[in-house]
Amino acid sequence: MKQEAVVHSYPLLGSSLAKLKIVNLSQSQKLVDELLKACSLEQIDLQGCISLKSIPHIDQLKNLQLLNLSGCTLLNRTEIIEEIKRLDPEGGLRETKSESMVFSTLVKLEH
């Protein structure tokens, strides 16, 4: 039986996260929901979060420049791409390499 990622909430963190720019939660088994609410986030590394089924609050991440979802095997790639398109309708945030699940505005795209 697979374990699901448990999302915890820490309400006291909310105001102190306003300026947070980079979050590395790679290989995490549990995600802190409040961390992904930090609207100033520019880089999120969730590589290898094998229990991750969705990305909470992705619609609030207007400053996102890098999102690493490689190795997140439970995520639906098509759904993530649709979320990215809604978040960034101008198309600046793109997958860096075909089917890599790494989205960036900073990296030269490879085909």
N, C-alpha and C. Protein backbone atom coordinates (compact mmCIF):
# COMPACT_ATOMS: atom_id res chain seq x y z
N MET A 1 0.84 -1.18 0.00
CA MET A 1 0.00 0.00 0.00
C MET A 1 0.89 1.25 0.00
N LYS A 2 0.62 2.14 -0.93
CA LYS A 2 1.41 3.37 -1.03
C LYS A 2 0.96 4.37 0.02
N GLN A 3 1.93 5.10 0.54
CA GLN A 3 1.60 6.16 1.49
C GLN A 3 1.40 7.45 0.72
N GLU A 4 0.43 8.23 1.13
CA GLU A 4 0.18 9.52 0.51
C GLU A 4 0.94 10.60 1.26
N ALA A 5 1.32 11.63 0.52
CA ALA A 5 1.99 12.77 1.15
C ALA A 5 1.01 13.43 2.11
N VAL A 6 1.47 13.74 3.27
CA VAL A 6 0.64 14.42 4.25
C VAL A 6 0.97 15.90 4.20
N VAL A 7 -0.04 16.71 4.05
CA VAL A 7 0.16 18.15 3.99
C VAL A 7 -0.21 18.73 5.34
N HIS A 8 0.75 19.37 5.96
CA HIS A 8 0.54 19.99 7.26
C HIS A 8 0.33 21.48 7.08
N SER A 9 -0.34 22.08 8.01
CA SER A 9 -0.55 23.51 7.97
C SER A 9 0.03 24.14 9.23
N TYR A 10 0.80 25.18 9.04
CA TYR A 10 1.40 25.92 10.14
C TYR A 10 1.00 27.38 9.98
N PRO A 11 -0.15 27.79 10.52
CA PRO A 11 -0.68 29.13 10.29
C PRO A 11 0.26 30.25 10.69
N LEU A 12 1.12 30.04 11.65
CA LEU A 12 2.01 31.10 12.09
C LEU A 12 3.10 31.41 11.07
N LEU A 13 3.33 30.52 10.13
CA LEU A 13 4.36 30.75 9.12
C LEU A 13 3.91 31.74 8.04
N GLY A 14 2.63 31.85 7.81
CA GLY A 14 2.09 32.61 6.69
C GLY A 14 2.73 33.96 6.45
N SER A 15 2.73 34.84 7.43
CA SER A 15 3.25 36.18 7.23
C SER A 15 4.76 36.21 7.08
N SER A 16 5.46 35.27 7.68
CA SER A 16 6.92 35.27 7.61
C SER A 16 7.44 34.71 6.29
N LEU A 17 6.56 34.15 5.47
CA LEU A 17 6.98 33.56 4.20
C LEU A 17 6.82 34.49 3.01
N ALA A 18 6.35 35.68 3.24
CA ALA A 18 6.03 36.59 2.14
C ALA A 18 7.20 36.86 1.21
N LYS A 19 8.42 36.84 1.72
CA LYS A 19 9.59 37.16 0.91
C LYS A 19 10.38 35.92 0.47
N LEU A 20 9.91 34.75 0.81
CA LEU A 20 10.59 33.51 0.45
C LEU A 20 10.66 33.38 -1.07
N LYS A 21 11.85 33.11 -1.61
CA LYS A 21 12.04 33.04 -3.06
C LYS A 21 12.33 31.62 -3.55
N ILE A 22 13.03 30.82 -2.75
CA ILE A 22 13.45 29.49 -3.19
C ILE A 22 13.06 28.45 -2.14
N VAL A 23 12.48 27.35 -2.61
CA VAL A 23 12.12 26.24 -1.72
C VAL A 23 12.65 24.96 -2.34
N ASN A 24 13.42 24.20 -1.57
CA ASN A 24 13.89 22.90 -2.01
C ASN A 24 13.27 21.84 -1.11
N LEU A 25 12.29 21.15 -1.66
CA LEU A 25 11.62 20.08 -0.93
C LEU A 25 11.87 18.74 -1.62
N SER A 26 12.97 18.65 -2.37
CA SER A 26 13.25 17.42 -3.11
C SER A 26 13.34 16.24 -2.16
N GLN A 27 12.81 15.13 -2.62
CA GLN A 27 12.79 13.87 -1.88
C GLN A 27 11.91 13.91 -0.63
N SER A 28 11.11 14.95 -0.47
CA SER A 28 10.27 15.08 0.72
C SER A 28 9.14 14.07 0.71
N GLN A 29 8.84 13.55 1.85
CA GLN A 29 7.70 12.67 2.00
C GLN A 29 6.47 13.44 2.46
N LYS A 30 6.71 14.57 3.09
CA LYS A 30 5.62 15.42 3.57
C LYS A 30 5.90 16.84 3.11
N LEU A 31 4.89 17.48 2.57
CA LEU A 31 5.04 18.86 2.13
C LEU A 31 4.36 19.79 3.10
N VAL A 32 4.94 20.93 3.31
CA VAL A 32 4.34 21.93 4.17
C VAL A 32 3.51 22.84 3.27
N ASP A 33 2.21 22.72 3.39
CA ASP A 33 1.26 23.46 2.57
C ASP A 33 1.55 24.96 2.58
N GLU A 34 1.87 25.49 3.74
CA GLU A 34 2.11 26.93 3.88
C GLU A 34 3.29 27.40 3.04
N LEU A 35 4.31 26.56 2.85
CA LEU A 35 5.47 26.96 2.06
C LEU A 35 5.09 27.28 0.63
N LEU A 36 4.17 26.52 0.08
CA LEU A 36 3.78 26.73 -1.31
C LEU A 36 2.78 27.86 -1.47
N LYS A 37 2.38 28.49 -0.37
CA LYS A 37 1.51 29.66 -0.44
C LYS A 37 2.32 30.95 -0.54
N ALA A 38 3.62 30.86 -0.42
CA ALA A 38 4.48 32.04 -0.47
C ALA A 38 4.46 32.59 -1.89
N CYS A 39 3.73 33.66 -2.11
CA CYS A 39 3.48 34.15 -3.46
C CYS A 39 4.72 34.73 -4.13
N SER A 40 5.80 34.95 -3.40
CA SER A 40 7.03 35.47 -3.99
C SER A 40 7.96 34.36 -4.50
N LEU A 41 7.55 33.12 -4.34
CA LEU A 41 8.42 32.02 -4.74
C LEU A 41 8.81 32.11 -6.20
N GLU A 42 10.10 31.96 -6.45
CA GLU A 42 10.63 31.97 -7.81
C GLU A 42 11.11 30.59 -8.24
N GLN A 43 11.57 29.79 -7.27
CA GLN A 43 12.09 28.46 -7.59
C GLN A 43 11.55 27.44 -6.60
N ILE A 44 11.03 26.35 -7.14
CA ILE A 44 10.53 25.25 -6.30
C ILE A 44 11.12 23.95 -6.83
N ASP A 45 11.81 23.24 -5.97
CA ASP A 45 12.37 21.95 -6.34
C ASP A 45 11.63 20.86 -5.58
N LEU A 46 10.83 20.11 -6.31
CA LEU A 46 10.07 18.99 -5.73
C LEU A 46 10.53 17.67 -6.33
N GLN A 47 11.73 17.66 -6.87
CA GLN A 47 12.27 16.47 -7.51
C GLN A 47 12.21 15.26 -6.59
N GLY A 48 11.69 14.16 -7.11
CA GLY A 48 11.68 12.91 -6.37
C GLY A 48 10.63 12.81 -5.29
N CYS A 49 9.68 13.73 -5.25
CA CYS A 49 8.59 13.63 -4.28
C CYS A 49 7.58 12.62 -4.82
N ILE A 50 7.86 11.37 -4.59
CA ILE A 50 7.11 10.29 -5.24
C ILE A 50 5.68 10.15 -4.74
N SER A 51 5.34 10.78 -3.63
CA SER A 51 3.97 10.71 -3.11
C SER A 51 3.12 11.90 -3.55
N LEU A 52 3.74 12.86 -4.21
CA LEU A 52 3.04 14.09 -4.59
C LEU A 52 2.03 13.81 -5.70
N LYS A 53 0.77 14.17 -5.45
CA LYS A 53 -0.30 13.95 -6.43
C LYS A 53 -0.77 15.25 -7.07
N SER A 54 -0.52 16.37 -6.40
CA SER A 54 -0.90 17.67 -6.94
C SER A 54 -0.01 18.73 -6.28
N ILE A 55 -0.04 19.92 -6.86
CA ILE A 55 0.74 21.02 -6.30
C ILE A 55 -0.25 22.05 -5.76
N PRO A 56 -0.36 22.14 -4.45
CA PRO A 56 -1.31 23.08 -3.88
C PRO A 56 -0.91 24.52 -4.16
N HIS A 57 -1.88 25.35 -4.43
CA HIS A 57 -1.71 26.79 -4.58
C HIS A 57 -0.85 27.20 -5.78
N ILE A 58 -0.73 26.34 -6.78
CA ILE A 58 0.11 26.68 -7.93
C ILE A 58 -0.40 27.94 -8.63
N ASP A 59 -1.69 28.20 -8.54
CA ASP A 59 -2.27 29.38 -9.19
C ASP A 59 -1.81 30.69 -8.55
N GLN A 60 -1.23 30.64 -7.36
CA GLN A 60 -0.77 31.84 -6.66
C GLN A 60 0.70 32.15 -6.93
N LEU A 61 1.38 31.30 -7.65
CA LEU A 61 2.83 31.43 -7.83
C LEU A 61 3.18 32.25 -9.07
N LYS A 62 2.79 33.49 -9.07
CA LYS A 62 2.94 34.37 -10.24
C LYS A 62 4.40 34.71 -10.56
N ASN A 63 5.32 34.56 -9.61
CA ASN A 63 6.73 34.89 -9.83
C ASN A 63 7.58 33.67 -10.16
N LEU A 64 6.95 32.54 -10.36
CA LEU A 64 7.67 31.29 -10.56
C LEU A 64 8.54 31.32 -11.81
N GLN A 65 9.81 30.96 -11.64
CA GLN A 65 10.76 30.91 -12.75
C GLN A 65 11.32 29.51 -12.96
N LEU A 66 11.24 28.67 -11.93
CA LEU A 66 11.75 27.31 -12.03
C LEU A 66 10.89 26.38 -11.19
N LEU A 67 10.43 25.31 -11.79
CA LEU A 67 9.63 24.30 -11.10
C LEU A 67 10.17 22.94 -11.52
N ASN A 68 10.80 22.23 -10.58
CA ASN A 68 11.37 20.91 -10.87
C ASN A 68 10.46 19.84 -10.30
N LEU A 69 9.83 19.09 -11.20
CA LEU A 69 8.93 18.01 -10.81
C LEU A 69 9.43 16.66 -11.31
N SER A 70 10.70 16.59 -11.70
CA SER A 70 11.22 15.33 -12.21
C SER A 70 11.18 14.27 -11.10
N GLY A 71 10.78 13.08 -11.47
CA GLY A 71 10.70 11.99 -10.50
C GLY A 71 9.43 12.00 -9.67
N CYS A 72 8.52 12.92 -9.92
CA CYS A 72 7.23 12.96 -9.21
C CYS A 72 6.27 12.08 -9.99
N THR A 73 6.36 10.80 -9.77
CA THR A 73 5.71 9.82 -10.62
C THR A 73 4.18 9.79 -10.53
N LEU A 74 3.61 10.32 -9.47
CA LEU A 74 2.15 10.31 -9.34
C LEU A 74 1.48 11.53 -9.97
N LEU A 75 2.29 12.52 -10.36
CA LEU A 75 1.72 13.71 -10.98
C LEU A 75 1.33 13.41 -12.42
N ASN A 76 0.22 13.97 -12.84
CA ASN A 76 -0.23 13.83 -14.21
C ASN A 76 0.40 14.95 -15.03
N ARG A 77 1.30 14.58 -15.94
CA ARG A 77 2.04 15.56 -16.74
C ARG A 77 1.12 16.51 -17.50
N THR A 78 0.08 15.98 -18.11
CA THR A 78 -0.86 16.80 -18.88
C THR A 78 -1.54 17.83 -17.99
N GLU A 79 -1.97 17.42 -16.81
CA GLU A 79 -2.61 18.35 -15.88
C GLU A 79 -1.64 19.44 -15.43
N ILE A 80 -0.39 19.07 -15.17
CA ILE A 80 0.61 20.05 -14.75
C ILE A 80 0.85 21.07 -15.86
N ILE A 81 0.95 20.60 -17.09
CA ILE A 81 1.16 21.52 -18.21
C ILE A 81 -0.02 22.49 -18.33
N GLU A 82 -1.23 22.02 -18.13
CA GLU A 82 -2.41 22.90 -18.17
C GLU A 82 -2.36 23.93 -17.05
N GLU A 83 -1.94 23.50 -15.86
CA GLU A 83 -1.80 24.43 -14.73
C GLU A 83 -0.76 25.50 -15.05
N ILE A 84 0.35 25.08 -15.64
CA ILE A 84 1.41 26.02 -16.01
C ILE A 84 0.88 27.03 -17.04
N LYS A 85 0.12 26.57 -18.00
CA LYS A 85 -0.44 27.47 -19.02
C LYS A 85 -1.38 28.50 -18.39
N ARG A 86 -2.16 28.08 -17.41
CA ARG A 86 -3.05 29.03 -16.73
C ARG A 86 -2.25 30.02 -15.89
N LEU A 87 -1.20 29.53 -15.26
CA LEU A 87 -0.35 30.37 -14.43
C LEU A 87 0.43 31.38 -15.27
N ASP A 88 0.90 30.92 -16.43
CA ASP A 88 1.77 31.73 -17.29
C ASP A 88 1.25 31.70 -18.73
N PRO A 89 0.17 32.44 -19.00
CA PRO A 89 -0.45 32.38 -20.33
C PRO A 89 0.46 32.88 -21.45
N GLU A 90 1.48 33.65 -21.13
CA GLU A 90 2.39 34.16 -22.16
C GLU A 90 3.41 33.11 -22.60
N GLY A 91 3.51 32.02 -21.87
CA GLY A 91 4.37 30.92 -22.28
C GLY A 91 5.83 31.06 -21.95
N GLY A 92 6.18 31.92 -21.00
CA GLY A 92 7.58 32.07 -20.62
C GLY A 92 8.11 30.89 -19.82
N LEU A 93 7.23 30.22 -19.10
CA LEU A 93 7.61 29.08 -18.27
C LEU A 93 7.36 27.82 -19.10
N ARG A 94 8.44 27.17 -19.50
CA ARG A 94 8.32 26.01 -20.39
C ARG A 94 9.13 24.84 -19.87
N GLU A 95 8.76 23.67 -20.37
CA GLU A 95 9.50 22.47 -20.01
C GLU A 95 10.88 22.54 -20.67
N THR A 96 11.93 22.34 -19.89
CA THR A 96 13.29 22.54 -20.40
C THR A 96 13.73 21.45 -21.38
N LYS A 97 13.21 20.28 -21.22
CA LYS A 97 13.54 19.17 -22.09
C LYS A 97 12.29 18.31 -22.19
N SER A 98 12.02 17.76 -23.32
CA SER A 98 10.80 16.99 -23.53
C SER A 98 10.60 15.95 -22.43
N GLU A 99 9.43 16.01 -21.81
CA GLU A 99 9.01 15.07 -20.77
C GLU A 99 9.90 15.08 -19.52
N SER A 100 10.61 16.17 -19.28
CA SER A 100 11.51 16.23 -18.12
C SER A 100 10.79 16.62 -16.84
N MET A 101 9.63 17.27 -16.98
CA MET A 101 8.87 17.80 -15.84
C MET A 101 9.67 18.86 -15.09
N VAL A 102 10.58 19.53 -15.79
CA VAL A 102 11.29 20.68 -15.24
C VAL A 102 10.88 21.87 -16.09
N PHE A 103 10.26 22.86 -15.46
CA PHE A 103 9.75 24.03 -16.17
C PHE A 103 10.56 25.24 -15.75
N SER A 104 10.96 26.05 -16.72
CA SER A 104 11.83 27.18 -16.39
C SER A 104 11.66 28.33 -17.36
N THR A 105 11.91 29.52 -16.88
CA THR A 105 12.01 30.70 -17.74
C THR A 105 13.48 31.06 -17.92
N LEU A 106 14.35 30.40 -17.18
CA LEU A 106 15.76 30.79 -17.12
C LEU A 106 16.68 29.95 -17.99
N VAL A 107 16.26 28.75 -18.32
CA VAL A 107 17.14 27.79 -18.99
C VAL A 107 16.85 27.76 -20.48
N LYS A 108 17.91 27.68 -21.27
CA LYS A 108 17.75 27.52 -22.70
C LYS A 108 17.06 26.19 -22.97
N LEU A 109 16.03 26.22 -23.78
CA LEU A 109 15.25 25.01 -24.04
C LEU A 109 16.03 24.04 -24.91
N GLU A 110 15.95 22.76 -24.57
CA GLU A 110 16.56 21.69 -25.35
C GLU A 110 15.45 20.88 -25.98
N HIS A 111 15.70 20.34 -27.15
CA HIS A 111 14.68 19.50 -27.81
C HIS A 111 15.11 18.07 -27.84
